[in-house]
Amino acid sequence: MTGIESPWIAVPVALLLVAGGLLTLVGALGLVRLRNFQARMHGASMGSTLGLGCLVVACVIVGSAMAHRLALHALLVTVFVVITSPATATLLMRASLYRGRARSASADPEVIER
């Protein structure tokens, strides 16, 4: 017996997995439906971050139930995502702004760049 057969563990884990999947789906729909790049970045990053949070909490619950002690090693995934996501988003947003300025300057030579 692994310890995850108990409904006190299986039900919250199932709810967290469904919530994580739905949040990720909302982020993916935001990626498809939103108009410009900046809005798409926001929708996708919020959905994936919240979805990942639910999945990591579910992993901690299952890992703790199987090991019969508190297992927090799944939180390392969250640490790495929290460290890398803002840097990646900042670089992509700056590249998008720079590309937009370069396009507007090439279309109208009178435009003064900052």
PDB file of N, CA and C in Angstrom:
ATOM      1  N   MET A   1       0.828  -1.166   0.000  1.00  0.00           N
ATOM      2  CA  MET A   1       0.000   0.000   0.000  1.00  0.00           C
ATOM      3  C   MET A   1       0.886   1.247   0.000  1.00  0.00           C
ATOM      4  N   THR A   2       0.640   2.163  -0.922  1.00  0.00           N
ATOM      5  CA  THR A   2       1.511   3.326  -1.078  1.00  0.00           C
ATOM      6  C   THR A   2       1.085   4.525  -0.254  1.00  0.00           C
ATOM      7  N   GLY A   3      -0.134   4.590   0.197  1.00  0.00           N
ATOM      8  CA  GLY A   3      -0.594   5.703   1.003  1.00  0.00           C
ATOM      9  C   GLY A   3      -1.424   6.709   0.224  1.00  0.00           C
ATOM     10  N   ILE A   4      -1.471   6.576  -1.107  1.00  0.00           N
ATOM     11  CA  ILE A   4      -2.264   7.539  -1.878  1.00  0.00           C
ATOM     12  C   ILE A   4      -3.652   7.009  -2.205  1.00  0.00           C
ATOM     13  N   GLU A   5      -3.982   5.811  -1.702  1.00  0.00           N
ATOM     14  CA  GLU A   5      -5.315   5.258  -1.930  1.00  0.00           C
ATOM     15  C   GLU A   5      -6.369   5.919  -1.045  1.00  0.00           C
ATOM     16  N   SER A   6      -5.943   6.582  -0.018  1.00  0.00           N
ATOM     17  CA  SER A   6      -6.870   7.235   0.897  1.00  0.00           C
ATOM     18  C   SER A   6      -7.599   8.373   0.185  1.00  0.00           C
ATOM     19  N   PRO A   7      -8.908   8.479   0.375  1.00  0.00           N
ATOM     20  CA  PRO A   7      -9.632   9.581  -0.266  1.00  0.00           C
ATOM     21  C   PRO A   7      -9.202  10.948   0.252  1.00  0.00           C
ATOM     22  N   TRP A   8      -8.628  11.005   1.467  1.00  0.00           N
ATOM     23  CA  TRP A   8      -8.151  12.271   2.004  1.00  0.00           C
ATOM     24  C   TRP A   8      -6.946  12.791   1.229  1.00  0.00           C
ATOM     25  N   ILE A   9      -6.288  11.915   0.504  1.00  0.00           N
ATOM     26  CA  ILE A   9      -5.155  12.330  -0.319  1.00  0.00           C
ATOM     27  C   ILE A   9      -5.545  12.356  -1.791  1.00  0.00           C
ATOM     28  N   ALA A  10      -6.290  11.382  -2.239  1.00  0.00           N
ATOM     29  CA  ALA A  10      -6.623  11.269  -3.662  1.00  0.00           C
ATOM     30  C   ALA A  10      -7.528  12.404  -4.145  1.00  0.00           C
ATOM     31  N   VAL A  11      -8.497  12.808  -3.340  1.00  0.00           N
ATOM     32  CA  VAL A  11      -9.446  13.848  -3.773  1.00  0.00           C
ATOM     33  C   VAL A  11      -8.763  15.216  -3.914  1.00  0.00           C
ATOM     34  N   PRO A  12      -7.994  15.691  -2.913  1.00  0.00           N
ATOM     35  CA  PRO A  12      -7.324  16.985  -3.119  1.00  0.00           C
ATOM     36  C   PRO A  12      -6.325  16.965  -4.273  1.00  0.00           C
ATOM     37  N   VAL A  13      -5.622  15.836  -4.433  1.00  0.00           N
ATOM     38  CA  VAL A  13      -4.664  15.738  -5.539  1.00  0.00           C
ATOM     39  C   VAL A  13      -5.394  15.790  -6.872  1.00  0.00           C
ATOM     40  N   ALA A  14      -6.505  15.086  -6.983  1.00  0.00           N
ATOM     41  CA  ALA A  14      -7.278  15.112  -8.230  1.00  0.00           C
ATOM     42  C   ALA A  14      -7.811  16.510  -8.514  1.00  0.00           C
ATOM     43  N   LEU A  15      -8.304  17.194  -7.480  1.00  0.00           N
ATOM     44  CA  LEU A  15      -8.804  18.561  -7.665  1.00  0.00           C
ATOM     45  C   LEU A  15      -7.684  19.514  -8.073  1.00  0.00           C
ATOM     46  N   LEU A  16      -6.510  19.360  -7.471  1.00  0.00           N
ATOM     47  CA  LEU A  16      -5.374  20.210  -7.841  1.00  0.00           C
ATOM     48  C   LEU A  16      -4.916  19.948  -9.277  1.00  0.00           C
ATOM     49  N   LEU A  17      -4.925  18.682  -9.682  1.00  0.00           N
ATOM     50  CA  LEU A  17      -4.536  18.357 -11.056  1.00  0.00           C
ATOM     51  C   LEU A  17      -5.520  18.923 -12.070  1.00  0.00           C
ATOM     52  N   VAL A  18      -6.805  18.826 -11.765  1.00  0.00           N
ATOM     53  CA  VAL A  18      -7.819  19.385 -12.668  1.00  0.00           C
ATOM     54  C   VAL A  18      -7.705  20.914 -12.710  1.00  0.00           C
ATOM     55  N   ALA A  19      -7.525  21.539 -11.545  1.00  0.00           N
ATOM     56  CA  ALA A  19      -7.381  22.999 -11.501  1.00  0.00           C
ATOM     57  C   ALA A  19      -6.133  23.444 -12.261  1.00  0.00           C
ATOM     58  N   GLY A  20      -5.030  22.726 -12.092  1.00  0.00           N
ATOM     59  CA  GLY A  20      -3.807  23.063 -12.816  1.00  0.00           C
ATOM     60  C   GLY A  20      -3.978  22.935 -14.316  1.00  0.00           C
ATOM     61  N   GLY A  21      -4.669  21.889 -14.739  1.00  0.00           N
ATOM     62  CA  GLY A  21      -4.929  21.721 -16.168  1.00  0.00           C
ATOM     63  C   GLY A  21      -5.840  22.805 -16.723  1.00  0.00           C
ATOM     64  N   LEU A  22      -6.858  23.181 -15.964  1.00  0.00           N
ATOM     65  CA  LEU A  22      -7.769  24.244 -16.415  1.00  0.00           C
ATOM     66  C   LEU A  22      -7.068  25.597 -16.480  1.00  0.00           C
ATOM     67  N   LEU A  23      -6.230  25.890 -15.486  1.00  0.00           N
ATOM     68  CA  LEU A  23      -5.489  27.151 -15.514  1.00  0.00           C
ATOM     69  C   LEU A  23      -4.515  27.211 -16.687  1.00  0.00           C
ATOM     70  N   THR A  24      -3.877  26.103 -16.976  1.00  0.00           N
ATOM     71  CA  THR A  24      -2.983  26.054 -18.127  1.00  0.00           C
ATOM     72  C   THR A  24      -3.771  26.190 -19.423  1.00  0.00           C
ATOM     73  N   LEU A  25      -4.947  25.605 -19.488  1.00  0.00           N
ATOM     74  CA  LEU A  25      -5.809  25.746 -20.660  1.00  0.00           C
ATOM     75  C   LEU A  25      -6.232  27.203 -20.858  1.00  0.00           C
ATOM     76  N   VAL A  26      -6.568  27.889 -19.773  1.00  0.00           N
ATOM     77  CA  VAL A  26      -6.930  29.303 -19.869  1.00  0.00           C
ATOM     78  C   VAL A  26      -5.741  30.115 -20.396  1.00  0.00           C
ATOM     79  N   GLY A  27      -4.547  29.809 -19.925  1.00  0.00           N
ATOM     80  CA  GLY A  27      -3.351  30.485 -20.436  1.00  0.00           C
ATOM     81  C   GLY A  27      -3.134  30.214 -21.917  1.00  0.00           C
ATOM     82  N   ALA A  28      -3.372  28.993 -22.344  1.00  0.00           N
ATOM     83  CA  ALA A  28      -3.222  28.658 -23.759  1.00  0.00           C
ATOM     84  C   ALA A  28      -4.278  29.356 -24.604  1.00  0.00           C
ATOM     85  N   LEU A  29      -5.503  29.444 -24.094  1.00  0.00           N
ATOM     86  CA  LEU A  29      -6.546  30.169 -24.818  1.00  0.00           C
ATOM     87  C   LEU A  29      -6.211  31.660 -24.906  1.00  0.00           C
ATOM     88  N   GLY A  30      -5.621  32.208 -23.845  1.00  0.00           N
ATOM     89  CA  GLY A  30      -5.172  33.594 -23.887  1.00  0.00           C
ATOM     90  C   GLY A  30      -4.094  33.798 -24.928  1.00  0.00           C
ATOM     91  N   LEU A  31      -3.254  32.812 -25.094  1.00  0.00           N
ATOM     92  CA  LEU A  31      -2.207  32.881 -26.118  1.00  0.00           C
ATOM     93  C   LEU A  31      -2.801  32.923 -27.513  1.00  0.00           C
ATOM     94  N   VAL A  32      -3.900  32.225 -27.708  1.00  0.00           N
ATOM     95  CA  VAL A  32      -4.539  32.177 -29.023  1.00  0.00           C
ATOM     96  C   VAL A  32      -5.427  33.400 -29.258  1.00  0.00           C
ATOM     97  N   ARG A  33      -6.173  33.818 -28.234  1.00  0.00           N
ATOM     98  CA  ARG A  33      -7.216  34.821 -28.424  1.00  0.00           C
ATOM     99  C   ARG A  33      -6.756  36.274 -28.331  1.00  0.00           C
ATOM    100  N   LEU A  34      -5.732  36.558 -27.549  1.00  0.00           N
ATOM    101  CA  LEU A  34      -5.348  37.949 -27.340  1.00  0.00           C
ATOM    102  C   LEU A  34      -4.659  38.521 -28.575  1.00  0.00           C
ATOM    103  N   ARG A  35      -4.754  39.854 -28.733  1.00  0.00           N
ATOM    104  CA  ARG A  35      -4.361  40.498 -29.986  1.00  0.00           C
ATOM    105  C   ARG A  35      -2.866  40.696 -30.165  1.00  0.00           C
ATOM    106  N   ASN A  36      -2.228  41.372 -29.225  1.00  0.00           N
ATOM    107  CA  ASN A  36      -0.819  41.706 -29.454  1.00  0.00           C
ATOM    108  C   ASN A  36       0.110  40.830 -28.614  1.00  0.00           C
ATOM    109  N   PHE A  37       1.370  40.947 -28.908  1.00  0.00           N
ATOM    110  CA  PHE A  37       2.377  40.076 -28.293  1.00  0.00           C
ATOM    111  C   PHE A  37       2.441  40.254 -26.775  1.00  0.00           C
ATOM    112  N   GLN A  38       2.393  41.508 -26.308  1.00  0.00           N
ATOM    113  CA  GLN A  38       2.503  41.756 -24.872  1.00  0.00           C
ATOM    114  C   GLN A  38       1.336  41.129 -24.110  1.00  0.00           C
ATOM    115  N   ALA A  39       0.144  41.242 -24.624  1.00  0.00           N
ATOM    116  CA  ALA A  39      -1.019  40.626 -23.966  1.00  0.00           C
ATOM    117  C   ALA A  39      -0.912  39.109 -24.006  1.00  0.00           C
ATOM    118  N   ARG A  40      -0.434  38.569 -25.093  1.00  0.00           N
ATOM    119  CA  ARG A  40      -0.256  37.108 -25.178  1.00  0.00           C
ATOM    120  C   ARG A  40       0.757  36.617 -24.160  1.00  0.00           C
ATOM    121  N   MET A  41       1.828  37.355 -23.993  1.00  0.00           N
ATOM    122  CA  MET A  41       2.841  36.963 -23.008  1.00  0.00           C
ATOM    123  C   MET A  41       2.233  36.923 -21.606  1.00  0.00           C
ATOM    124  N   HIS A  42       1.427  37.912 -21.281  1.00  0.00           N
ATOM    125  CA  HIS A  42       0.841  37.975 -19.942  1.00  0.00           C
ATOM    126  C   HIS A  42      -0.116  36.809 -19.709  1.00  0.00           C
ATOM    127  N   GLY A  43      -0.979  36.551 -20.675  1.00  0.00           N
ATOM    128  CA  GLY A  43      -1.941  35.459 -20.516  1.00  0.00           C
ATOM    129  C   GLY A  43      -1.267  34.104 -20.375  1.00  0.00           C
ATOM    130  N   ALA A  44      -0.301  33.854 -21.211  1.00  0.00           N
ATOM    131  CA  ALA A  44       0.379  32.560 -21.170  1.00  0.00           C
ATOM    132  C   ALA A  44       1.209  32.392 -19.897  1.00  0.00           C
ATOM    133  N   SER A  45       1.890  33.445 -19.470  1.00  0.00           N
ATOM    134  CA  SER A  45       2.730  33.303 -18.280  1.00  0.00           C
ATOM    135  C   SER A  45       1.887  33.151 -17.013  1.00  0.00           C
ATOM    136  N   MET A  46       0.776  33.859 -16.927  1.00  0.00           N
ATOM    137  CA  MET A  46      -0.079  33.718 -15.742  1.00  0.00           C
ATOM    138  C   MET A  46      -0.699  32.329 -15.681  1.00  0.00           C
ATOM    139  N   GLY A  47      -1.200  31.852 -16.800  1.00  0.00           N
ATOM    140  CA  GLY A  47      -1.814  30.523 -16.816  1.00  0.00           C
ATOM    141  C   GLY A  47      -0.827  29.416 -16.506  1.00  0.00           C
ATOM    142  N   SER A  48       0.339  29.503 -17.099  1.00  0.00           N
ATOM    143  CA  SER A  48       1.311  28.426 -16.868  1.00  0.00           C
ATOM    144  C   SER A  48       1.875  28.480 -15.450  1.00  0.00           C
ATOM    145  N   THR A  49       2.069  29.673 -14.900  1.00  0.00           N
ATOM    146  CA  THR A  49       2.606  29.779 -13.544  1.00  0.00           C
ATOM    147  C   THR A  49       1.601  29.265 -12.517  1.00  0.00           C
ATOM    148  N   LEU A  50       0.348  29.671 -12.634  1.00  0.00           N
ATOM    149  CA  LEU A  50      -0.660  29.195 -11.682  1.00  0.00           C
ATOM    150  C   LEU A  50      -0.927  27.703 -11.860  1.00  0.00           C
ATOM    151  N   GLY A  51      -0.947  27.231 -13.108  1.00  0.00           N
ATOM    152  CA  GLY A  51      -1.125  25.807 -13.363  1.00  0.00           C
ATOM    153  C   GLY A  51       0.021  24.992 -12.789  1.00  0.00           C
ATOM    154  N   LEU A  52       1.238  25.503 -12.955  1.00  0.00           N
ATOM    155  CA  LEU A  52       2.407  24.822 -12.404  1.00  0.00           C
ATOM    156  C   LEU A  52       2.340  24.780 -10.882  1.00  0.00           C
ATOM    157  N   GLY A  53       1.860  25.855 -10.269  1.00  0.00           N
ATOM    158  CA  GLY A  53       1.737  25.879  -8.814  1.00  0.00           C
ATOM    159  C   GLY A  53       0.817  24.786  -8.304  1.00  0.00           C
ATOM    160  N   CYS A  54      -0.320  24.612  -8.965  1.00  0.00           N
ATOM    161  CA  CYS A  54      -1.254  23.542  -8.565  1.00  0.00           C
ATOM    162  C   CYS A  54      -0.621  22.165  -8.741  1.00  0.00           C
ATOM    163  N   LEU A  55       0.079  21.970  -9.843  1.00  0.00           N
ATOM    164  CA  LEU A  55       0.711  20.667 -10.081  1.00  0.00           C
ATOM    165  C   LEU A  55       1.816  20.374  -9.074  1.00  0.00           C
ATOM    166  N   VAL A  56       2.579  21.387  -8.703  1.00  0.00           N
ATOM    167  CA  VAL A  56       3.655  21.175  -7.729  1.00  0.00           C
ATOM    168  C   VAL A  56       3.082  20.847  -6.356  1.00  0.00           C
ATOM    169  N   VAL A  57       2.016  21.521  -5.954  1.00  0.00           N
ATOM    170  CA  VAL A  57       1.388  21.208  -4.661  1.00  0.00           C
ATOM    171  C   VAL A  57       0.860  19.772  -4.671  1.00  0.00           C
ATOM    172  N   ALA A  58       0.266  19.350  -5.803  1.00  0.00           N
ATOM    173  CA  ALA A  58      -0.200  17.961  -5.914  1.00  0.00           C
ATOM    174  C   ALA A  58       0.969  16.987  -5.807  1.00  0.00           C
ATOM    175  N   CYS A  59       2.089  17.320  -6.432  1.00  0.00           N
ATOM    176  CA  CYS A  59       3.278  16.452  -6.352  1.00  0.00           C
ATOM    177  C   CYS A  59       3.813  16.365  -4.927  1.00  0.00           C
ATOM    178  N   VAL A  60       3.794  17.482  -4.201  1.00  0.00           N
ATOM    179  CA  VAL A  60       4.257  17.472  -2.807  1.00  0.00           C
ATOM    180  C   VAL A  60       3.351  16.594  -1.956  1.00  0.00           C
ATOM    181  N   ILE A  61       2.054  16.673  -2.173  1.00  0.00           N
ATOM    182  CA  ILE A  61       1.118  15.846  -1.393  1.00  0.00           C
ATOM    183  C   ILE A  61       1.340  14.365  -1.685  1.00  0.00           C
ATOM    184  N   VAL A  62       1.434  14.017  -2.970  1.00  0.00           N
ATOM    185  CA  VAL A  62       1.641  12.602  -3.333  1.00  0.00           C
ATOM    186  C   VAL A  62       3.001  12.109  -2.848  1.00  0.00           C
ATOM    187  N   GLY A  63       4.043  12.907  -3.036  1.00  0.00           N
ATOM    188  CA  GLY A  63       5.380  12.507  -2.579  1.00  0.00           C
ATOM    189  C   GLY A  63       5.446  12.326  -1.079  1.00  0.00           C
ATOM    190  N   SER A  64       4.785  13.215  -0.352  1.00  0.00           N
ATOM    191  CA  SER A  64       4.760  13.097   1.107  1.00  0.00           C
ATOM    192  C   SER A  64       3.977  11.866   1.553  1.00  0.00           C
ATOM    193  N   ALA A  65       2.884  11.564   0.871  1.00  0.00           N
ATOM    194  CA  ALA A  65       2.084  10.388   1.232  1.00  0.00           C
ATOM    195  C   ALA A  65       2.846   9.104   0.934  1.00  0.00           C
ATOM    196  N   MET A  66       3.569   9.076  -0.159  1.00  0.00           N
ATOM    197  CA  MET A  66       4.299   7.851  -0.507  1.00  0.00           C
ATOM    198  C   MET A  66       5.529   7.647   0.368  1.00  0.00           C
ATOM    199  N   ALA A  67       6.192   8.740   0.756  1.00  0.00           N
ATOM    200  CA  ALA A  67       7.401   8.619   1.572  1.00  0.00           C
ATOM    201  C   ALA A  67       7.105   8.583   3.065  1.00  0.00           C
ATOM    202  N   HIS A  68       5.859   8.869   3.439  1.00  0.00           N
ATOM    203  CA  HIS A  68       5.455   8.925   4.845  1.00  0.00           C
ATOM    204  C   HIS A  68       6.254   9.973   5.629  1.00  0.00           C
ATOM    205  N   ARG A  69       6.665  11.015   4.932  1.00  0.00           N
ATOM    206  CA  ARG A  69       7.324  12.167   5.544  1.00  0.00           C
ATOM    207  C   ARG A  69       7.139  13.345   4.592  1.00  0.00           C
ATOM    208  N   LEU A  70       7.478  14.534   5.025  1.00  0.00           N
ATOM    209  CA  LEU A  70       7.308  15.717   4.203  1.00  0.00           C
ATOM    210  C   LEU A  70       8.343  15.712   3.076  1.00  0.00           C
ATOM    211  N   ALA A  71       7.895  15.674   1.846  1.00  0.00           N
ATOM    212  CA  ALA A  71       8.788  15.641   0.683  1.00  0.00           C
ATOM    213  C   ALA A  71       8.634  16.949  -0.090  1.00  0.00           C
ATOM    214  N   LEU A  72       9.621  17.805   0.021  1.00  0.00           N
ATOM    215  CA  LEU A  72       9.550  19.125  -0.601  1.00  0.00           C
ATOM    216  C   LEU A  72      10.445  19.257  -1.833  1.00  0.00           C
ATOM    217  N   HIS A  73      10.988  18.164  -2.328  1.00  0.00           N
ATOM    218  CA  HIS A  73      11.904  18.269  -3.462  1.00  0.00           C
ATOM    219  C   HIS A  73      11.210  18.744  -4.735  1.00  0.00           C
ATOM    220  N   ALA A  74       9.904  18.591  -4.827  1.00  0.00           N
ATOM    221  CA  ALA A  74       9.180  19.085  -6.008  1.00  0.00           C
ATOM    222  C   ALA A  74       9.142  20.611  -6.043  1.00  0.00           C
ATOM    223  N   LEU A  75       9.363  21.248  -4.914  1.00  0.00           N
ATOM    224  CA  LEU A  75       9.377  22.711  -4.883  1.00  0.00           C
ATOM    225  C   LEU A  75      10.570  23.295  -5.623  1.00  0.00           C
ATOM    226  N   LEU A  76      11.588  22.491  -5.892  1.00  0.00           N
ATOM    227  CA  LEU A  76      12.725  22.975  -6.678  1.00  0.00           C
ATOM    228  C   LEU A  76      12.288  23.397  -8.079  1.00  0.00           C
ATOM    229  N   VAL A  77      11.310  22.718  -8.632  1.00  0.00           N
ATOM    230  CA  VAL A  77      10.783  23.085  -9.947  1.00  0.00           C
ATOM    231  C   VAL A  77      10.239  24.505  -9.891  1.00  0.00           C
ATOM    232  N   THR A  78       9.495  24.810  -8.853  1.00  0.00           N
ATOM    233  CA  THR A  78       8.933  26.148  -8.700  1.00  0.00           C
ATOM    234  C   THR A  78      10.033  27.190  -8.560  1.00  0.00           C
ATOM    235  N   VAL A  79      11.063  26.867  -7.800  1.00  0.00           N
ATOM    236  CA  VAL A  79      12.176  27.810  -7.631  1.00  0.00           C
ATOM    237  C   VAL A  79      12.816  28.113  -8.980  1.00  0.00           C
ATOM    238  N   PHE A  80      13.067  27.096  -9.774  1.00  0.00           N
ATOM    239  CA  PHE A  80      13.700  27.326 -11.072  1.00  0.00           C
ATOM    240  C   PHE A  80      12.801  28.113 -12.015  1.00  0.00           C
ATOM    241  N   VAL A  81      11.506  27.848 -11.987  1.00  0.00           N
ATOM    242  CA  VAL A  81      10.575  28.594 -12.843  1.00  0.00           C
ATOM    243  C   VAL A  81      10.483  30.047 -12.389  1.00  0.00           C
ATOM    244  N   VAL A  82      10.448  30.274 -11.087  1.00  0.00           N
ATOM    245  CA  VAL A  82      10.371  31.639 -10.568  1.00  0.00           C
ATOM    246  C   VAL A  82      11.641  32.420 -10.897  1.00  0.00           C
ATOM    247  N   ILE A  83      12.763  31.752 -10.950  1.00  0.00           N
ATOM    248  CA  ILE A  83      14.015  32.431 -11.286  1.00  0.00           C
ATOM    249  C   ILE A  83      14.098  32.730 -12.780  1.00  0.00           C
ATOM    250  N   THR A  84      13.715  31.783 -13.622  1.00  0.00           N
ATOM    251  CA  THR A  84      13.941  31.951 -15.062  1.00  0.00           C
ATOM    252  C   THR A  84      12.819  32.663 -15.800  1.00  0.00           C
ATOM    253  N   SER A  85      11.585  32.530 -15.368  1.00  0.00           N
ATOM    254  CA  SER A  85      10.468  33.124 -16.109  1.00  0.00           C
ATOM    255  C   SER A  85      10.516  34.645 -16.206  1.00  0.00           C
ATOM    256  N   PRO A  86      10.751  35.376 -15.130  1.00  0.00           N
ATOM    257  CA  PRO A  86      10.786  36.832 -15.274  1.00  0.00           C
ATOM    258  C   PRO A  86      11.907  37.321 -16.188  1.00  0.00           C
ATOM    259  N   ALA A  87      13.058  36.678 -16.114  1.00  0.00           N
ATOM    260  CA  ALA A  87      14.171  37.090 -16.983  1.00  0.00           C
ATOM    261  C   ALA A  87      13.832  36.844 -18.449  1.00  0.00           C
ATOM    262  N   THR A  88      13.265  35.703 -18.742  1.00  0.00           N
ATOM    263  CA  THR A  88      12.883  35.387 -20.116  1.00  0.00           C
ATOM    264  C   THR A  88      11.789  36.324 -20.612  1.00  0.00           C
ATOM    265  N   ALA A  89      10.795  36.579 -19.785  1.00  0.00           N
ATOM    266  CA  ALA A  89       9.705  37.478 -20.181  1.00  0.00           C
ATOM    267  C   ALA A  89      10.225  38.887 -20.424  1.00  0.00           C
ATOM    268  N   THR A  90      11.136  39.352 -19.576  1.00  0.00           N
ATOM    269  CA  THR A  90      11.704  40.693 -19.758  1.00  0.00           C
ATOM    270  C   THR A  90      12.473  40.785 -21.068  1.00  0.00           C
ATOM    271  N   LEU A  91      13.268  39.788 -21.364  1.00  0.00           N
ATOM    272  CA  LEU A  91      14.030  39.810 -22.618  1.00  0.00           C
ATOM    273  C   LEU A  91      13.114  39.769 -23.834  1.00  0.00           C
ATOM    274  N   LEU A  92      12.072  38.955 -23.787  1.00  0.00           N
ATOM    275  CA  LEU A  92      11.137  38.889 -24.911  1.00  0.00           C
ATOM    276  C   LEU A  92      10.367  40.195 -25.084  1.00  0.00           C
ATOM    277  N   MET A  93       9.954  40.816 -23.981  1.00  0.00           N
ATOM    278  CA  MET A  93       9.228  42.076 -24.071  1.00  0.00           C
ATOM    279  C   MET A  93      10.122  43.193 -24.599  1.00  0.00           C
ATOM    280  N   ARG A  94      11.366  43.240 -24.150  1.00  0.00           N
ATOM    281  CA  ARG A  94      12.289  44.260 -24.669  1.00  0.00           C
ATOM    282  C   ARG A  94      12.554  44.058 -26.155  1.00  0.00           C
ATOM    283  N   ALA A  95      12.704  42.823 -26.557  1.00  0.00           N
ATOM    284  CA  ALA A  95      12.914  42.551 -27.983  1.00  0.00           C
ATOM    285  C   ALA A  95      11.700  42.969 -28.792  1.00  0.00           C
ATOM    286  N   SER A  96      10.521  42.739 -28.257  1.00  0.00           N
ATOM    287  CA  SER A  96       9.294  43.137 -28.946  1.00  0.00           C
ATOM    288  C   SER A  96       9.190  44.649 -29.059  1.00  0.00           C
ATOM    289  N   LEU A  97       9.527  45.373 -27.991  1.00  0.00           N
ATOM    290  CA  LEU A  97       9.485  46.837 -28.036  1.00  0.00           C
ATOM    291  C   LEU A  97      10.526  47.380 -29.005  1.00  0.00           C
ATOM    292  N   TYR A  98      11.722  46.811 -28.973  1.00  0.00           N
ATOM    293  CA  TYR A  98      12.780  47.251 -29.891  1.00  0.00           C
ATOM    294  C   TYR A  98      12.376  46.990 -31.337  1.00  0.00           C
ATOM    295  N   ARG A  99      11.788  45.850 -31.589  1.00  0.00           N
ATOM    296  CA  ARG A  99      11.343  45.514 -32.942  1.00  0.00           C
ATOM    297  C   ARG A  99      10.250  46.470 -33.405  1.00  0.00           C
ATOM    298  N   GLY A 100       9.342  46.839 -32.503  1.00  0.00           N
ATOM    299  CA  GLY A 100       8.296  47.794 -32.839  1.00  0.00           C
ATOM    300  C   GLY A 100       8.858  49.160 -33.158  1.00  0.00           C
ATOM    301  N   ARG A 101       9.870  49.609 -32.416  1.00  0.00           N
ATOM    302  CA  ARG A 101      10.512  50.893 -32.701  1.00  0.00           C
ATOM    303  C   ARG A 101      11.257  50.861 -34.019  1.00  0.00           C
ATOM    304  N   ALA A 102      11.918  49.742 -34.284  1.00  0.00           N
ATOM    305  CA  ALA A 102      12.671  49.629 -35.537  1.00  0.00           C
ATOM    306  C   ALA A 102      11.716  49.656 -36.725  1.00  0.00           C
ATOM    307  N   ARG A 103      10.565  49.026 -36.610  1.00  0.00           N
ATOM    308  CA  ARG A 103       9.580  49.038 -37.695  1.00  0.00           C
ATOM    309  C   ARG A 103       9.026  50.437 -37.929  1.00  0.00           C
ATOM    310  N   SER A 104       8.689  51.144 -36.839  1.00  0.00           N
ATOM    311  CA  SER A 104       8.107  52.469 -37.003  1.00  0.00           C
ATOM    312  C   SER A 104       9.146  53.447 -37.533  1.00  0.00           C
ATOM    313  N   ALA A 105      10.404  53.292 -37.179  1.00  0.00           N
ATOM    314  CA  ALA A 105      11.447  54.179 -37.685  1.00  0.00           C
ATOM    315  C   ALA A 105      11.716  53.927 -39.162  1.00  0.00           C
ATOM    316  N   SER A 106      11.647  52.667 -39.582  1.00  0.00           N
ATOM    317  CA  SER A 106      11.890  52.369 -40.997  1.00  0.00           C
ATOM    318  C   SER A 106      10.710  52.795 -41.859  1.00  0.00           C
ATOM    319  N   ALA A 107       9.512  52.819 -41.298  1.00  0.00           N
ATOM    320  CA  ALA A 107       8.339  53.234 -42.058  1.00  0.00           C
ATOM    321  C   ALA A 107       8.273  54.751 -42.189  1.00  0.00           C
ATOM    322  N   ASP A 108       8.706  55.481 -41.166  1.00  0.00           N
ATOM    323  CA  ASP A 108       8.640  56.937 -41.177  1.00  0.00           C
ATOM    324  C   ASP A 108       9.987  57.473 -40.714  1.00  0.00           C
ATOM    325  N   PRO A 109      10.818  58.018 -41.605  1.00  0.00           N
ATOM    326  CA  PRO A 109      12.151  58.487 -41.209  1.00  0.00           C
ATOM    327  C   PRO A 109      12.111  59.694 -40.282  1.00  0.00           C
ATOM    328  N   GLU A 110      10.988  60.348 -40.158  1.00  0.00           N
ATOM    329  CA  GLU A 110      10.865  61.530 -39.295  1.00  0.00           C
ATOM    330  C   GLU A 110      10.674  61.158 -37.826  1.00  0.00           C
ATOM    331  N   VAL A 111      10.415  59.896 -37.541  1.00  0.00           N
ATOM    332  CA  VAL A 111      10.163  59.466 -36.175  1.00  0.00           C
ATOM    333  C   VAL A 111      11.464  59.550 -35.378  1.00  0.00           C
ATOM    334  N   ILE A 112      11.394  60.165 -34.233  1.00  0.00           N
ATOM    335  CA  ILE A 112      12.575  60.297 -33.373  1.00  0.00           C
ATOM    336  C   ILE A 112      12.572  59.141 -32.383  1.00  0.00           C
ATOM    337  N   GLU A 113      13.666  58.387 -32.394  1.00  0.00           N
ATOM    338  CA  GLU A 113      13.772  57.265 -31.453  1.00  0.00           C
ATOM    339  C   GLU A 113      14.309  57.766 -30.134  1.00  0.00           C
ATOM    340  N   ARG A 114      13.922  57.104 -29.089  1.00  0.00           N
ATOM    341  CA  ARG A 114      14.386  57.472 -27.745  1.00  0.00           C
ATOM    342  C   ARG A 114      15.744  56.905 -27.477  1.00  0.00           C
TER     343      ARG A 114
END
